[in-house]
């Protein structure tokens, strides 16, 4: 994420005082870096999970293992699709100049549209 002092992202069309805008831009750079770290960490975890599952052998006598493997085969593609969207968002959020697009990206990040809420709720219900 690069910031051009005269014209940057959603702050470019604001009447913010220069000092305030510079502070906001510095904070955005920090958040951008943190966001990319989170996405990298998610990617690493999904890859590790996928590798672990691929090493599991199906065993007709072990119903728990078979259940976990079939569950992972559902979750991994879902998580990968969500991660792909998160990567696209994190790669372009700093260059946005349209507030509507930024709002859409924030909503997509929060709503996690590629995660099946029914499956997710069933797995993590208390």
N, C-alpha and C. Protein backbone atom coordinates (compact mmCIF):
# COMPACT_ATOMS: atom_id res chain seq x y z
N UNK A 1 0.86 -1.17 0.00
CA UNK A 1 0.00 0.00 0.00
C UNK A 1 0.90 1.24 0.00
N UNK A 2 0.77 2.03 -1.02
CA UNK A 2 1.55 3.26 -1.10
C UNK A 2 0.62 4.45 -0.96
N UNK A 3 1.10 5.44 -0.26
CA UNK A 3 0.29 6.64 -0.05
C UNK A 3 0.96 7.81 -0.75
N UNK A 4 0.19 8.45 -1.60
CA UNK A 4 0.63 9.66 -2.27
C UNK A 4 0.05 10.81 -1.45
N UNK A 5 0.89 11.68 -0.95
CA UNK A 5 0.45 12.73 -0.03
C UNK A 5 -0.69 13.59 -0.58
N UNK A 6 -0.75 13.80 -1.87
CA UNK A 6 -1.77 14.68 -2.43
C UNK A 6 -3.07 13.97 -2.74
N UNK A 7 -3.00 12.70 -3.10
CA UNK A 7 -4.20 12.02 -3.55
C UNK A 7 -4.13 10.56 -3.14
N UNK A 8 -4.84 10.21 -2.09
CA UNK A 8 -4.80 8.83 -1.64
C UNK A 8 -6.19 8.33 -1.26
N UNK A 9 -6.57 7.24 -1.86
CA UNK A 9 -7.74 6.47 -1.50
C UNK A 9 -8.97 7.28 -1.13
N UNK A 10 -9.73 6.75 -0.19
CA UNK A 10 -10.99 7.38 0.20
C UNK A 10 -10.78 8.70 0.92
N UNK A 11 -9.57 8.99 1.33
CA UNK A 11 -9.29 10.27 1.99
C UNK A 11 -8.99 11.38 0.98
N UNK A 12 -8.89 11.02 -0.29
CA UNK A 12 -8.47 12.00 -1.29
C UNK A 12 -9.48 13.11 -1.51
N UNK A 13 -10.74 12.83 -1.28
CA UNK A 13 -11.76 13.85 -1.56
C UNK A 13 -12.34 14.44 -0.28
N UNK A 14 -11.59 14.36 0.79
CA UNK A 14 -12.07 14.91 2.06
C UNK A 14 -11.41 16.26 2.32
N UNK A 15 -12.01 17.01 3.20
CA UNK A 15 -11.47 18.31 3.58
C UNK A 15 -10.78 18.22 4.94
N UNK A 16 -10.23 17.06 5.23
CA UNK A 16 -9.54 16.89 6.50
C UNK A 16 -8.28 17.76 6.54
N UNK A 17 -7.98 18.30 7.70
CA UNK A 17 -6.71 19.02 7.83
C UNK A 17 -5.55 18.08 7.51
N UNK A 18 -4.51 18.63 6.93
CA UNK A 18 -3.38 17.83 6.46
C UNK A 18 -2.81 16.94 7.56
N UNK A 19 -2.61 17.48 8.76
CA UNK A 19 -2.01 16.71 9.86
C UNK A 19 -2.90 15.52 10.23
N UNK A 20 -4.20 15.73 10.28
CA UNK A 20 -5.12 14.65 10.62
C UNK A 20 -5.12 13.59 9.51
N UNK A 21 -5.10 14.04 8.27
CA UNK A 21 -5.08 13.10 7.15
C UNK A 21 -3.80 12.25 7.17
N UNK A 22 -2.67 12.87 7.48
CA UNK A 22 -1.41 12.13 7.55
C UNK A 22 -1.44 11.09 8.67
N UNK A 23 -2.04 11.44 9.81
CA UNK A 23 -2.15 10.48 10.91
C UNK A 23 -3.04 9.31 10.51
N UNK A 24 -4.15 9.63 9.86
CA UNK A 24 -5.05 8.57 9.39
C UNK A 24 -4.36 7.67 8.37
N UNK A 25 -3.62 8.27 7.47
CA UNK A 25 -2.92 7.50 6.44
C UNK A 25 -1.87 6.59 7.08
N UNK A 26 -1.17 7.09 8.09
CA UNK A 26 -0.17 6.26 8.79
C UNK A 26 -0.85 5.08 9.49
N UNK A 27 -2.00 5.34 10.10
CA UNK A 27 -2.75 4.27 10.76
C UNK A 27 -3.22 3.25 9.74
N UNK A 28 -3.66 3.71 8.59
CA UNK A 28 -4.13 2.81 7.53
C UNK A 28 -2.98 1.94 7.05
N UNK A 29 -1.80 2.49 6.90
CA UNK A 29 -0.64 1.69 6.50
C UNK A 29 -0.36 0.58 7.51
N UNK A 30 -0.45 0.92 8.79
CA UNK A 30 -0.24 -0.08 9.85
C UNK A 30 -1.30 -1.16 9.78
N UNK A 31 -2.54 -0.75 9.64
CA UNK A 31 -3.64 -1.73 9.55
C UNK A 31 -3.52 -2.59 8.31
N UNK A 32 -3.09 -1.99 7.21
CA UNK A 32 -2.90 -2.76 5.98
C UNK A 32 -1.86 -3.85 6.19
N UNK A 33 -0.79 -3.52 6.84
CA UNK A 33 0.26 -4.50 7.13
C UNK A 33 -0.28 -5.62 8.03
N UNK A 34 -1.03 -5.25 9.04
CA UNK A 34 -1.61 -6.25 9.95
C UNK A 34 -2.62 -7.14 9.23
N UNK A 35 -3.41 -6.55 8.36
CA UNK A 35 -4.39 -7.30 7.59
C UNK A 35 -3.71 -8.33 6.71
N UNK A 36 -2.64 -7.93 6.06
CA UNK A 36 -1.90 -8.88 5.21
C UNK A 36 -1.30 -10.02 6.04
N UNK A 37 -0.84 -9.72 7.25
CA UNK A 37 -0.31 -10.76 8.13
C UNK A 37 -1.40 -11.75 8.52
N UNK A 38 -2.59 -11.26 8.81
CA UNK A 38 -3.71 -12.12 9.17
C UNK A 38 -4.05 -13.05 8.00
N UNK A 39 -4.11 -12.49 6.80
CA UNK A 39 -4.44 -13.28 5.62
C UNK A 39 -3.35 -14.34 5.36
N UNK A 40 -2.10 -13.97 5.54
CA UNK A 40 -1.00 -14.94 5.37
C UNK A 40 -1.11 -16.06 6.39
N UNK A 41 -1.43 -15.70 7.62
CA UNK A 41 -1.58 -16.69 8.69
C UNK A 41 -2.74 -17.64 8.37
N UNK A 42 -3.85 -17.10 7.93
CA UNK A 42 -4.99 -17.94 7.54
C UNK A 42 -4.61 -18.89 6.43
N UNK A 43 -3.90 -18.40 5.45
CA UNK A 43 -3.47 -19.22 4.33
C UNK A 43 -2.59 -20.37 4.82
N UNK A 44 -1.67 -20.07 5.68
CA UNK A 44 -0.77 -21.08 6.23
C UNK A 44 -1.55 -22.15 7.00
N UNK A 45 -2.50 -21.71 7.82
CA UNK A 45 -3.30 -22.65 8.61
C UNK A 45 -4.17 -23.55 7.73
N UNK A 46 -4.77 -22.98 6.71
CA UNK A 46 -5.60 -23.76 5.79
C UNK A 46 -4.73 -24.79 5.06
N UNK A 47 -3.56 -24.37 4.61
CA UNK A 47 -2.64 -25.31 3.94
C UNK A 47 -2.21 -26.44 4.87
N UNK A 48 -1.92 -26.12 6.12
CA UNK A 48 -1.54 -27.15 7.09
C UNK A 48 -2.69 -28.12 7.33
N UNK A 49 -3.88 -27.59 7.48
CA UNK A 49 -5.07 -28.41 7.69
C UNK A 49 -5.28 -29.33 6.49
N UNK A 50 -5.14 -28.78 5.30
CA UNK A 50 -5.31 -29.55 4.07
C UNK A 50 -4.27 -30.67 3.98
N UNK A 51 -3.04 -30.38 4.30
CA UNK A 51 -1.99 -31.41 4.27
C UNK A 51 -2.26 -32.51 5.27
N UNK A 52 -2.70 -32.12 6.46
CA UNK A 52 -3.00 -33.09 7.50
C UNK A 52 -4.14 -34.02 7.04
N UNK A 53 -5.18 -33.45 6.46
CA UNK A 53 -6.32 -34.23 6.01
C UNK A 53 -5.92 -35.16 4.86
N UNK A 54 -5.08 -34.68 3.96
CA UNK A 54 -4.68 -35.50 2.82
C UNK A 54 -3.86 -36.72 3.26
N UNK A 55 -3.25 -36.66 4.43
CA UNK A 55 -2.48 -37.79 4.95
C UNK A 55 -3.36 -38.79 5.69
N UNK A 56 -4.60 -38.42 5.97
CA UNK A 56 -5.51 -39.33 6.67
C UNK A 56 -5.96 -40.43 5.73
N UNK A 57 -5.92 -41.64 6.20
CA UNK A 57 -6.42 -42.76 5.42
C UNK A 57 -7.83 -43.08 5.89
N UNK A 58 -8.71 -43.34 4.93
CA UNK A 58 -10.06 -43.75 5.29
C UNK A 58 -9.99 -45.14 5.90
N UNK A 59 -10.77 -45.33 6.92
CA UNK A 59 -10.80 -46.61 7.61
C UNK A 59 -12.25 -46.96 7.89
N UNK A 60 -12.76 -48.03 7.28
CA UNK A 60 -14.17 -48.36 7.46
C UNK A 60 -14.53 -48.66 8.91
N UNK A 61 -13.55 -48.97 9.73
CA UNK A 61 -13.82 -49.30 11.13
C UNK A 61 -13.74 -48.08 12.05
N UNK A 62 -13.34 -46.94 11.50
CA UNK A 62 -13.20 -45.75 12.34
C UNK A 62 -14.14 -44.67 11.83
N UNK A 63 -15.35 -44.67 12.38
CA UNK A 63 -16.37 -43.72 11.90
C UNK A 63 -16.01 -42.28 12.24
N UNK A 64 -15.34 -42.04 13.37
CA UNK A 64 -14.96 -40.68 13.73
C UNK A 64 -13.95 -40.13 12.74
N UNK A 65 -12.96 -40.90 12.40
CA UNK A 65 -11.95 -40.48 11.43
C UNK A 65 -12.60 -40.19 10.08
N UNK A 66 -13.49 -41.06 9.65
CA UNK A 66 -14.18 -40.87 8.37
C UNK A 66 -15.03 -39.61 8.40
N UNK A 67 -15.69 -39.37 9.53
CA UNK A 67 -16.51 -38.16 9.67
C UNK A 67 -15.64 -36.91 9.59
N UNK A 68 -14.52 -36.92 10.30
CA UNK A 68 -13.62 -35.77 10.30
C UNK A 68 -13.07 -35.51 8.91
N UNK A 69 -12.71 -36.57 8.20
CA UNK A 69 -12.18 -36.41 6.85
C UNK A 69 -13.24 -35.86 5.92
N UNK A 70 -14.47 -36.35 5.99
CA UNK A 70 -15.53 -35.84 5.11
C UNK A 70 -15.88 -34.39 5.47
N UNK A 71 -15.82 -34.08 6.74
CA UNK A 71 -16.07 -32.71 7.18
C UNK A 71 -14.98 -31.77 6.65
N UNK A 72 -13.75 -32.21 6.73
CA UNK A 72 -12.63 -31.41 6.22
C UNK A 72 -12.75 -31.20 4.72
N UNK A 73 -13.23 -32.20 4.02
CA UNK A 73 -13.40 -32.07 2.57
C UNK A 73 -14.48 -31.05 2.20
N UNK A 74 -15.36 -30.76 3.15
CA UNK A 74 -16.35 -29.70 2.95
C UNK A 74 -15.77 -28.35 3.37
N UNK A 75 -15.08 -28.34 4.51
CA UNK A 75 -14.58 -27.07 5.07
C UNK A 75 -13.43 -26.47 4.27
N UNK A 76 -12.50 -27.27 3.82
CA UNK A 76 -11.31 -26.73 3.16
C UNK A 76 -11.65 -25.92 1.92
N UNK A 77 -12.48 -26.43 0.99
CA UNK A 77 -12.83 -25.59 -0.17
C UNK A 77 -13.55 -24.29 0.23
N UNK A 78 -14.41 -24.38 1.26
CA UNK A 78 -15.11 -23.19 1.74
C UNK A 78 -14.11 -22.17 2.27
N UNK A 79 -13.18 -22.63 3.08
CA UNK A 79 -12.18 -21.74 3.67
C UNK A 79 -11.26 -21.16 2.60
N UNK A 80 -10.91 -21.96 1.61
CA UNK A 80 -10.06 -21.46 0.53
C UNK A 80 -10.75 -20.35 -0.27
N UNK A 81 -12.03 -20.53 -0.53
CA UNK A 81 -12.78 -19.52 -1.28
C UNK A 81 -12.88 -18.22 -0.47
N UNK A 82 -13.13 -18.35 0.82
CA UNK A 82 -13.18 -17.18 1.70
C UNK A 82 -11.81 -16.50 1.74
N UNK A 83 -10.77 -17.30 1.85
CA UNK A 83 -9.40 -16.76 1.88
C UNK A 83 -9.07 -16.02 0.59
N UNK A 84 -9.50 -16.57 -0.53
CA UNK A 84 -9.25 -15.91 -1.82
C UNK A 84 -9.89 -14.52 -1.84
N UNK A 85 -11.11 -14.42 -1.33
CA UNK A 85 -11.75 -13.11 -1.27
C UNK A 85 -11.00 -12.18 -0.31
N UNK A 86 -10.59 -12.71 0.84
CA UNK A 86 -9.85 -11.91 1.82
C UNK A 86 -8.53 -11.40 1.22
N UNK A 87 -7.87 -12.24 0.45
CA UNK A 87 -6.62 -11.82 -0.19
C UNK A 87 -6.88 -10.69 -1.18
N UNK A 88 -7.94 -10.80 -1.95
CA UNK A 88 -8.26 -9.74 -2.92
C UNK A 88 -8.57 -8.44 -2.20
N UNK A 89 -9.30 -8.54 -1.11
CA UNK A 89 -9.63 -7.34 -0.34
C UNK A 89 -8.37 -6.73 0.23
N UNK A 90 -7.54 -7.54 0.87
CA UNK A 90 -6.34 -6.99 1.51
C UNK A 90 -5.36 -6.42 0.48
N UNK A 91 -5.37 -6.94 -0.73
CA UNK A 91 -4.47 -6.42 -1.76
C UNK A 91 -4.95 -5.11 -2.38
N UNK A 92 -6.23 -4.80 -2.25
CA UNK A 92 -6.72 -3.60 -2.94
C UNK A 92 -7.36 -2.56 -2.03
N UNK A 93 -7.50 -2.85 -0.76
CA UNK A 93 -8.22 -1.93 0.12
C UNK A 93 -7.54 -0.56 0.20
N UNK A 94 -6.23 -0.51 0.13
CA UNK A 94 -5.54 0.78 0.24
C UNK A 94 -5.64 1.63 -1.01
N UNK A 95 -5.96 1.02 -2.13
CA UNK A 95 -6.01 1.80 -3.37
C UNK A 95 -7.42 2.22 -3.75
N UNK A 96 -8.39 1.92 -2.90
CA UNK A 96 -9.77 2.30 -3.21
C UNK A 96 -9.97 3.80 -3.13
N UNK A 97 -10.72 4.33 -4.07
CA UNK A 97 -11.05 5.75 -4.04
C UNK A 97 -12.56 5.95 -3.89
N UNK A 98 -13.30 4.87 -3.92
CA UNK A 98 -14.75 4.94 -3.84
C UNK A 98 -15.21 4.40 -2.49
N UNK A 99 -15.90 5.22 -1.73
CA UNK A 99 -16.35 4.80 -0.40
C UNK A 99 -17.36 3.67 -0.47
N UNK A 100 -18.18 3.64 -1.52
CA UNK A 100 -19.15 2.55 -1.66
C UNK A 100 -18.44 1.21 -1.81
N UNK A 101 -17.37 1.19 -2.58
CA UNK A 101 -16.61 -0.05 -2.76
C UNK A 101 -15.95 -0.45 -1.45
N UNK A 102 -15.41 0.52 -0.72
CA UNK A 102 -14.81 0.24 0.57
C UNK A 102 -15.85 -0.35 1.52
N UNK A 103 -17.05 0.22 1.52
CA UNK A 103 -18.13 -0.30 2.37
C UNK A 103 -18.47 -1.74 1.99
N UNK A 104 -18.52 -2.01 0.69
CA UNK A 104 -18.79 -3.37 0.22
C UNK A 104 -17.69 -4.33 0.69
N UNK A 105 -16.45 -3.93 0.57
CA UNK A 105 -15.34 -4.78 1.01
C UNK A 105 -15.42 -5.06 2.51
N UNK A 106 -15.70 -4.04 3.29
CA UNK A 106 -15.80 -4.22 4.73
C UNK A 106 -16.95 -5.18 5.06
N UNK A 107 -18.08 -5.00 4.38
CA UNK A 107 -19.23 -5.89 4.60
C UNK A 107 -18.89 -7.32 4.23
N UNK A 108 -18.22 -7.50 3.10
CA UNK A 108 -17.85 -8.86 2.66
C UNK A 108 -16.90 -9.50 3.66
N UNK A 109 -15.97 -8.72 4.18
CA UNK A 109 -15.02 -9.26 5.16
C UNK A 109 -15.77 -9.72 6.41
N UNK A 110 -16.69 -8.89 6.88
CA UNK A 110 -17.42 -9.20 8.11
C UNK A 110 -18.43 -10.34 7.91
N UNK A 111 -19.15 -10.32 6.80
CA UNK A 111 -20.21 -11.30 6.57
C UNK A 111 -19.70 -12.69 6.17
N UNK A 112 -18.50 -12.79 5.67
CA UNK A 112 -17.91 -14.06 5.25
C UNK A 112 -18.88 -14.87 4.38
N UNK A 113 -19.18 -14.36 3.19
CA UNK A 113 -20.22 -14.96 2.36
C UNK A 113 -19.92 -16.37 1.85
N UNK A 114 -18.68 -16.79 1.85
CA UNK A 114 -18.36 -18.11 1.32
C UNK A 114 -18.37 -19.21 2.38
N UNK A 115 -18.61 -18.82 3.64
CA UNK A 115 -18.72 -19.83 4.69
C UNK A 115 -20.18 -20.20 4.86
N UNK A 116 -20.48 -21.46 4.75
CA UNK A 116 -21.85 -21.95 4.93
C UNK A 116 -22.21 -21.83 6.41
N UNK A 117 -23.08 -20.89 6.71
CA UNK A 117 -23.41 -20.61 8.11
C UNK A 117 -24.08 -21.80 8.80
N UNK A 118 -24.86 -22.58 8.05
CA UNK A 118 -25.50 -23.76 8.64
C UNK A 118 -24.47 -24.75 9.14
N UNK A 119 -23.50 -25.06 8.30
CA UNK A 119 -22.44 -26.00 8.69
C UNK A 119 -21.61 -25.41 9.82
N UNK A 120 -21.27 -24.15 9.67
CA UNK A 120 -20.44 -23.47 10.67
C UNK A 120 -21.13 -23.47 12.03
N UNK A 121 -22.41 -23.12 12.06
CA UNK A 121 -23.16 -23.09 13.32
C UNK A 121 -23.29 -24.47 13.93
N UNK A 122 -23.50 -25.47 13.10
CA UNK A 122 -23.61 -26.84 13.59
C UNK A 122 -22.30 -27.29 14.22
N UNK A 123 -21.20 -26.92 13.61
CA UNK A 123 -19.89 -27.33 14.14
C UNK A 123 -19.55 -26.65 15.46
N UNK A 124 -19.85 -25.37 15.53
CA UNK A 124 -19.38 -24.59 16.68
C UNK A 124 -20.48 -24.18 17.64
N UNK A 125 -21.64 -24.83 17.55
CA UNK A 125 -22.72 -24.54 18.51
C UNK A 125 -22.33 -25.09 19.87
N UNK A 126 -22.68 -24.35 20.90
CA UNK A 126 -22.32 -24.80 22.25
C UNK A 126 -23.27 -25.84 22.75
